[in-house]
C-alpha atoms as a PDB file:
ATOM      1  CA  MET A   1      12.891  -5.685 -14.354  1.00  0.00           C
ATOM      2  CA  LYS A   2      13.719  -7.693 -11.237  1.00  0.00           C
ATOM      3  CA  GLU A   3      10.930  -7.374  -8.685  1.00  0.00           C
ATOM      4  CA  GLY A   4      10.471  -8.412  -5.062  1.00  0.00           C
ATOM      5  CA  THR A   5      11.355  -7.479  -1.508  1.00  0.00           C
ATOM      6  CA  HIS A   6      14.841  -9.014  -1.674  1.00  0.00           C
ATOM      7  CA  LEU A   7      16.845  -8.277  -4.821  1.00  0.00           C
ATOM      8  CA  THR A   8      20.373  -9.378  -5.669  1.00  0.00           C
ATOM      9  CA  LEU A   9      22.601  -7.179  -7.820  1.00  0.00           C
ATOM     10  CA  LYS A  10      24.984  -8.632 -10.385  1.00  0.00           C
ATOM     11  CA  ASP A  11      27.939  -8.033  -8.050  1.00  0.00           C
ATOM     12  CA  GLY A  12      26.277  -9.954  -5.216  1.00  0.00           C
ATOM     13  CA  ARG A  13      25.067  -7.015  -3.125  1.00  0.00           C
ATOM     14  CA  GLU A  14      21.507  -7.265  -1.869  1.00  0.00           C
ATOM     15  CA  ILE A  15      18.727  -4.705  -1.648  1.00  0.00           C
ATOM     16  CA  LEU A  16      16.072  -5.406   0.968  1.00  0.00           C
ATOM     17  CA  LEU A  17      12.673  -4.012   1.882  1.00  0.00           C
ATOM     18  CA  GLN A  18      11.723  -4.482   5.529  1.00  0.00           C
ATOM     19  CA  ASP A  19       8.266  -3.270   6.528  1.00  0.00           C
ATOM     20  CA  ASP A  20       7.065  -5.389   9.435  1.00  0.00           C
ATOM     21  CA  GLU A  21       7.108  -2.297  11.640  1.00  0.00           C
ATOM     22  CA  ASP A  22       8.866   0.761  10.222  1.00  0.00           C
ATOM     23  CA  ILE A  23       9.628   0.875   6.482  1.00  0.00           C
ATOM     24  CA  LEU A  24      13.334   0.447   5.772  1.00  0.00           C
ATOM     25  CA  LEU A  25      15.227   0.036   2.501  1.00  0.00           C
ATOM     26  CA  SER A  26      18.787  -1.211   2.769  1.00  0.00           C
ATOM     27  CA  ILE A  27      21.777  -2.360   0.738  1.00  0.00           C
ATOM     28  CA  ARG A  28      23.787  -5.236   2.195  1.00  0.00           C
ATOM     29  CA  SER A  29      26.936  -7.126   1.282  1.00  0.00           C
ATOM     30  CA  SER A  30      28.085 -10.325   3.023  1.00  0.00           C
ATOM     31  CA  HIS A  31      25.596  -9.639   5.846  1.00  0.00           C
ATOM     32  CA  GLU A  32      27.045  -6.130   6.361  1.00  0.00           C
ATOM     33  CA  THR A  33      24.644  -3.204   5.999  1.00  0.00           C
ATOM     34  CA  LEU A  34      26.135  -0.650   3.620  1.00  0.00           C
ATOM     35  CA  CYS A  35      23.174   1.724   3.501  1.00  0.00           C
ATOM     36  CA  SER A  36      19.872   2.131   5.323  1.00  0.00           C
ATOM     37  CA  TYR A  37      17.074   4.389   4.152  1.00  0.00           C
ATOM     38  CA  PRO A  38      14.056   4.855   6.455  1.00  0.00           C
ATOM     39  CA  PHE A  39      10.953   5.597   4.392  1.00  0.00           C
ATOM     40  CA  THR A  40       7.798   7.498   5.289  1.00  0.00           C
ATOM     41  CA  CYS A  41       4.767   6.966   3.047  1.00  0.00           C
ATOM     42  CA  PRO A  42       2.396   9.737   2.045  1.00  0.00           C
ATOM     43  CA  SER A  43      -0.600  10.160   4.322  1.00  0.00           C
ATOM     44  CA  GLY A  44      -3.148   7.452   3.629  1.00  0.00           C
ATOM     45  CA  GLY A  45      -1.533   4.478   5.306  1.00  0.00           C
ATOM     46  CA  TYR A  46       0.612   1.624   4.078  1.00  0.00           C
ATOM     47  CA  GLY A  47      -0.690  -1.717   2.867  1.00  0.00           C
ATOM     48  CA  GLY A  48       2.543  -3.097   1.423  1.00  0.00           C
ATOM     49  CA  GLY A  49       5.149  -2.561  -1.245  1.00  0.00           C
ATOM     50  CA  THR A  50       7.688  -4.062  -3.589  1.00  0.00           C
ATOM     51  CA  LEU A  51      11.059  -3.154  -5.116  1.00  0.00           C
ATOM     52  CA  LEU A  52      11.829  -3.012  -8.842  1.00  0.00           C
ATOM     53  CA  LEU A  53      15.327  -2.783 -10.257  1.00  0.00           C
ATOM     54  CA  SER A  54      16.010  -1.094 -13.596  1.00  0.00           C
ATOM     55  CA  PRO A  55      17.740  -3.254 -16.242  1.00  0.00           C
ATOM     56  CA  SER A  56      21.022  -1.352 -15.830  1.00  0.00           C
ATOM     57  CA  GLU A  57      20.751  -1.644 -12.011  1.00  0.00           C
ATOM     58  CA  GLN A  58      21.236   2.109 -11.809  1.00  0.00           C
ATOM     59  CA  TYR A  59      17.737   2.854 -10.492  1.00  0.00           C
ATOM     60  CA  LEU A  60      15.468   1.364  -7.854  1.00  0.00           C
ATOM     61  CA  ILE A  61      11.695   1.833  -7.696  1.00  0.00           C
ATOM     62  CA  PHE A  62       9.868   1.374  -4.427  1.00  0.00           C
ATOM     63  CA  SER A  63       6.224   0.815  -5.352  1.00  0.00           C
ATOM     64  CA  PHE A  64       3.730   0.930  -2.481  1.00  0.00           C
ATOM     65  CA  PHE A  65      -0.018   0.947  -1.889  1.00  0.00           C
ATOM     66  CA  SER A  66      -2.350   2.140   0.833  1.00  0.00           C
ATOM     67  CA  GLY A  67      -4.726  -0.823   0.855  1.00  0.00           C
ATOM     68  CA  GLU A  68      -7.547   1.482  -0.269  1.00  0.00           C
ATOM     69  CA  SER A  69      -7.101   1.357  -4.067  1.00  0.00           C
ATOM     70  CA  GLU A  70      -4.262   3.896  -4.006  1.00  0.00           C
ATOM     71  CA  GLU A  71      -0.741   3.456  -5.371  1.00  0.00           C
ATOM     72  CA  GLY A  72       2.443   5.493  -5.174  1.00  0.00           C
ATOM     73  CA  PHE A  73       6.152   5.110  -5.862  1.00  0.00           C
ATOM     74  CA  SER A  74       9.557   6.474  -5.006  1.00  0.00           C
ATOM     75  CA  LEU A  75      12.561   6.435  -7.356  1.00  0.00           C
ATOM     76  CA  PHE A  76      16.167   6.100  -6.166  1.00  0.00           C
ATOM     77  CA  ARG A  77      19.523   6.092  -7.907  1.00  0.00           C
ATOM     78  CA  ILE A  78      21.955   3.428  -6.675  1.00  0.00           C
ATOM     79  CA  GLU A  79      25.235   5.256  -6.215  1.00  0.00           C
ATOM     80  CA  ASP A  80      28.311   3.879  -4.418  1.00  0.00           C
ATOM     81  CA  SER A  81      26.165   1.559  -2.265  1.00  0.00           C
ATOM     82  CA  ARG A  82      23.848   4.446  -1.373  1.00  0.00           C
ATOM     83  CA  LEU A  83      20.216   5.009  -2.221  1.00  0.00           C
ATOM     84  CA  VAL A  84      19.900   8.562  -3.510  1.00  0.00           C
ATOM     85  CA  PRO A  85      16.231   9.696  -3.589  1.00  0.00           C
ATOM     86  CA  LEU A  86      15.226  11.276  -6.906  1.00  0.00           C
ATOM     87  CA  PHE A  87      11.433  11.468  -6.855  1.00  0.00           C
ATOM     88  CA  GLU A  88       8.471  10.541  -4.666  1.00  0.00           C
ATOM     89  CA  SER A  89       4.885  10.562  -5.851  1.00  0.00           C
ATOM     90  CA  GLU A  90       1.737  11.081  -3.874  1.00  0.00           C
ATOM     91  CA  TYR A  91      -0.913   8.395  -3.735  1.00  0.00           C
ATOM     92  CA  PHE A  92      -2.903   7.998  -6.953  1.00  0.00           C
ATOM     93  CA  CYS A  93      -6.223   6.224  -7.331  1.00  0.00           C
ATOM     94  CA  GLY A  94      -5.642   2.782  -8.829  1.00  0.00           C
ATOM     95  CA  GLU A  95      -4.576  -0.810  -8.314  1.00  0.00           C
ATOM     96  CA  GLY A  96      -1.880  -3.031  -9.763  1.00  0.00           C
ATOM     97  CA  ALA A  97       0.573  -0.333 -10.848  1.00  0.00           C
ATOM     98  CA  SER A  98       3.210  -1.420 -13.352  1.00  0.00           C
ATOM     99  CA  TYR A  99       6.391   0.336 -14.454  1.00  0.00           C
ATOM    100  CA  LEU A 100       8.582   0.531 -17.542  1.00  0.00           C
ATOM    101  CA  PHE A 101      11.770   2.460 -18.307  1.00  0.00           C
ATOM    102  CA  SER A 102      12.654   3.844 -21.717  1.00  0.00           C
ATOM    103  CA  ASP A 103      15.616   2.114 -23.359  1.00  0.00           C
ATOM    104  CA  ASP A 104      18.071   4.714 -22.035  1.00  0.00           C
ATOM    105  CA  GLU A 105      16.308   4.788 -18.618  1.00  0.00           C
ATOM    106  CA  GLY A 106      15.819   8.523 -18.988  1.00  0.00           C
ATOM    107  CA  VAL A 107      12.032   8.189 -18.701  1.00  0.00           C
ATOM    108  CA  LEU A 108       9.926   6.111 -16.318  1.00  0.00           C
ATOM    109  CA  PHE A 109       6.350   5.142 -17.175  1.00  0.00           C
ATOM    110  CA  GLN A 110       3.787   4.170 -14.554  1.00  0.00           C
ATOM    111  CA  SER A 111       0.515   2.583 -15.666  1.00  0.00           C
ATOM    112  CA  LEU A 112      -2.564   2.518 -13.463  1.00  0.00           C
ATOM    113  CA  LEU A 113      -5.053   0.957 -15.844  1.00  0.00           C
ATOM    114  CA  GLY A 114      -8.131  -1.161 -15.179  1.00  0.00           C
ATOM    115  CA  GLY A 115      -8.265  -3.106 -11.951  1.00  0.00           C
ATOM    116  CA  PHE A 116     -11.752  -2.002 -10.951  1.00  0.00           C
ATOM    117  CA  GLY A 117     -13.826  -4.312 -13.180  1.00  0.00           C
ATOM    118  CA  PRO A 118     -16.215  -5.582 -14.144  1.00  0.00           C
ATOM    119  CA  TRP A 119     -17.190  -2.504 -16.128  1.00  0.00           C
ATOM    120  CA  TYR A 120     -20.971  -2.313 -16.488  1.00  0.00           C
ATOM    121  CA  LEU A 121     -22.427  -0.084 -19.191  1.00  0.00           C
ATOM    122  CA  GLU A 122     -25.025   1.293 -16.798  1.00  0.00           C
ATOM    123  CA  ASP A 123     -22.166   2.628 -14.651  1.00  0.00           C
ATOM    124  CA  ALA A 124     -20.441   4.448 -17.519  1.00  0.00           C
ATOM    125  CA  GLU A 125     -19.917   8.213 -17.404  1.00  0.00           C
ATOM    126  CA  ARG A 126     -21.067  10.644 -20.106  1.00  0.00           C
ATOM    127  CA  ASP A 127     -18.824  13.048 -21.963  1.00  0.00           C
ATOM    128  CA  GLU A 128     -19.766  16.568 -23.080  1.00  0.00           C
ATOM    129  CA  ASN A 129     -21.608  15.059 -26.060  1.00  0.00           C
ATOM    130  CA  GLY A 130     -23.562  12.584 -23.959  1.00  0.00           C
ATOM    131  CA  VAL A 131     -21.525   9.596 -25.184  1.00  0.00           C
ATOM    132  CA  SER A 132     -20.820   6.810 -22.662  1.00  0.00           C
ATOM    133  CA  TYR A 133     -17.232   6.168 -21.574  1.00  0.00           C
ATOM    134  CA  PHE A 134     -15.267   4.582 -18.741  1.00  0.00           C
ATOM    135  CA  GLN A 135     -12.546   6.432 -16.846  1.00  0.00           C
ATOM    136  CA  TYR A 136     -10.103   3.558 -17.179  1.00  0.00           C
ATOM    137  CA  GLY A 137      -7.158   4.897 -15.198  1.00  0.00           C
ATOM    138  CA  GLU A 138      -4.041   6.805 -16.158  1.00  0.00           C
ATOM    139  CA  ILE A 139      -0.530   6.624 -17.557  1.00  0.00           C
ATOM    140  CA  ASP A 140       2.050   8.698 -15.685  1.00  0.00           C
ATOM    141  CA  ILE A 141       5.423   9.785 -17.056  1.00  0.00           C
ATOM    142  CA  LEU A 142       8.503  10.862 -15.105  1.00  0.00           C
ATOM    143  CA  ASP A 143      11.457  12.494 -16.852  1.00  0.00           C
ATOM    144  CA  VAL A 144      14.223  11.180 -14.601  1.00  0.00           C
ATOM    145  CA  GLY A 145      16.698  13.966 -15.354  1.00  0.00           C
ATOM    146  CA  SER A 146      14.420  16.988 -15.000  1.00  0.00           C
ATOM    147  CA  LYS A 147      12.013  15.368 -12.450  1.00  0.00           C
ATOM    148  CA  SER A 148       9.160  16.570 -14.666  1.00  0.00           C
ATOM    149  CA  PHE A 149       6.053  14.487 -13.987  1.00  0.00           C
ATOM    150  CA  SER A 150       2.891  14.324 -16.086  1.00  0.00           C
ATOM    151  CA  ARG A 151      -0.392  12.442 -15.711  1.00  0.00           C
ATOM    152  CA  HIS A 152      -2.510  11.292 -18.655  1.00  0.00           C
ATOM    153  CA  ASP A 153      -6.103  10.103 -18.168  1.00  0.00           C
ATOM    154  CA  VAL A 154      -7.308   7.087 -20.131  1.00  0.00           C
ATOM    155  CA  ARG A 155     -10.894   6.931 -21.387  1.00  0.00           C
ATOM    156  CA  VAL A 156     -12.429   3.859 -22.964  1.00  0.00           C
ATOM    157  CA  TYR A 157     -15.486   4.297 -25.181  1.00  0.00           C
ATOM    158  CA  PRO A 158     -17.313   0.935 -25.230  1.00  0.00           C
ATOM    159  CA  SER A 159     -18.713  -0.512 -28.446  1.00  0.00           C
ATOM    160  CA  GLU A 160     -22.122  -2.156 -28.774  1.00  0.00           C
ATOM    161  CA  SER A 161     -20.438  -5.531 -28.262  1.00  0.00           C
ATOM    162  CA  TRP A 162     -18.894  -4.483 -24.933  1.00  0.00           C
ATOM    163  CA  LYS A 163     -19.118  -7.227 -22.335  1.00  0.00           C
ATOM    164  CA  ALA A 164     -19.562  -6.268 -18.693  1.00  0.00           C
ATOM    165  CA  GLU A 165     -17.042  -8.857 -17.552  1.00  0.00           C
ATOM    166  CA  ILE A 166     -14.247  -7.411 -19.679  1.00  0.00           C
ATOM    167  CA  ASP A 167     -11.315  -6.707 -17.418  1.00  0.00           C
ATOM    168  CA  GLY A 168      -7.844  -8.013 -16.776  1.00  0.00           C
ATOM    169  CA  PRO A 169      -4.183  -7.012 -16.917  1.00  0.00           C
ATOM    170  CA  SER A 170      -3.776  -3.587 -18.498  1.00  0.00           C
ATOM    171  CA  ASP A 171      -0.277  -2.146 -18.627  1.00  0.00           C
ATOM    172  CA  ILE A 172       2.541  -0.837 -20.781  1.00  0.00           C
ATOM    173  CA  SER A 173       4.182  -3.969 -22.142  1.00  0.00           C
ATOM    174  CA  LYS A 174       7.081  -2.384 -24.056  1.00  0.00           C
ATOM    175  CA  ILE A 175       8.374   0.666 -25.910  1.00  0.00           C
ATOM    176  CA  THR A 176       9.707   0.490 -29.465  1.00  0.00           C
ATOM    177  CA  GLY A 177      11.393   3.013 -31.724  1.00  0.00           C
ATOM    178  CA  GLY A 178      11.928   5.272 -28.733  1.00  0.00           C
ATOM    179  CA  ASN A 179       8.441   6.772 -29.008  1.00  0.00           C
ATOM    180  CA  THR A 180       5.824   4.022 -29.382  1.00  0.00           C
ATOM    181  CA  LEU A 181       4.198   2.579 -26.291  1.00  0.00           C
ATOM    182  CA  HIS A 182       2.566  -0.835 -26.557  1.00  0.00           C
ATOM    183  CA  ILE A 183      -0.353  -1.144 -24.148  1.00  0.00           C
ATOM    184  CA  ALA A 184      -1.720  -4.567 -23.220  1.00  0.00           C
ATOM    185  CA  MET A 185      -5.478  -4.208 -22.734  1.00  0.00           C
ATOM    186  CA  PRO A 186      -8.090  -6.916 -22.055  1.00  0.00           C
ATOM    187  CA  TRP A 187      -9.339  -6.699 -25.661  1.00  0.00           C
ATOM    188  CA  GLY A 188      -5.857  -6.732 -27.247  1.00  0.00           C
ATOM    189  CA  GLU A 189      -2.821  -4.527 -27.806  1.00  0.00           C
ATOM    190  CA  GLU A 190      -3.095  -0.783 -28.320  1.00  0.00           C
ATOM    191  CA  THR A 191      -0.240   1.521 -29.348  1.00  0.00           C
ATOM    192  CA  LEU A 192       0.382   5.141 -28.406  1.00  0.00           C
ATOM    193  CA  THR A 193       2.892   7.596 -29.842  1.00  0.00           C
ATOM    194  CA  LEU A 194       4.809   9.976 -27.582  1.00  0.00           C
ATOM    195  CA  PRO A 195       4.230  12.675 -26.501  1.00  0.00           C
ATOM    196  CA  LEU A 196       0.905  11.607 -25.009  1.00  0.00           C
ATOM    197  CA  ALA A 197      -2.236  13.685 -25.026  1.00  0.00           C
ATOM    198  CA  ASP A 198      -3.625  14.803 -21.675  1.00  0.00           C
ATOM    199  CA  THR A 199      -6.623  12.522 -22.300  1.00  0.00           C
ATOM    200  CA  ILE A 200      -6.020   9.231 -24.106  1.00  0.00           C
ATOM    201  CA  VAL A 201      -9.014   7.657 -25.855  1.00  0.00           C
ATOM    202  CA  PHE A 202      -9.445   3.978 -26.729  1.00  0.00           C
ATOM    203  CA  ARG A 203     -12.394   2.679 -28.759  1.00  0.00           C
ATOM    204  CA  PRO A 204     -12.262  -1.141 -28.692  1.00  0.00           C
ATOM    205  CA  GLU A 205     -14.353  -2.963 -31.270  1.00  0.00           C
END
């Protein structure tokens, strides 16, 4: 997906994010403003944001963060040079959110994984059986048509060879076969089959 604060559509129109003072999303053509959308973030403040354009250029994501390890997003449909709001999330705990659409753009995935490392074993939580694990973030799923939104916690159970410095980019890299998510984790690729469980468990070797 194209990403930035100034995106150019295939037909030459531009989508801009202006946030020096108030937050304003706009569509422009030949220096003429076709649409302006003033945006108000959820309570928690505003530390910055970016725009992401779906491959078909039918949808626009405005991803924003509070500056306090919280991320949120708003989804718009681009329709006749207008930004039609479809969904707005609250702030979720996390850093470095990434996004991926299904092939038909009917489903949007948000990953909020990792980003708080290093992960020291002495800081691990304990499950109901007393086994150590890390609460490693979440994967969120939005059904664009129905606006149904679900959150799925990710737990990582460390092995004996776990290294405290393990951390790095963790996100959904692609979807294949319509129902298999490929997750890039610091220790290698993991795959998940849809629908996702409420709690996702990884056990890296």
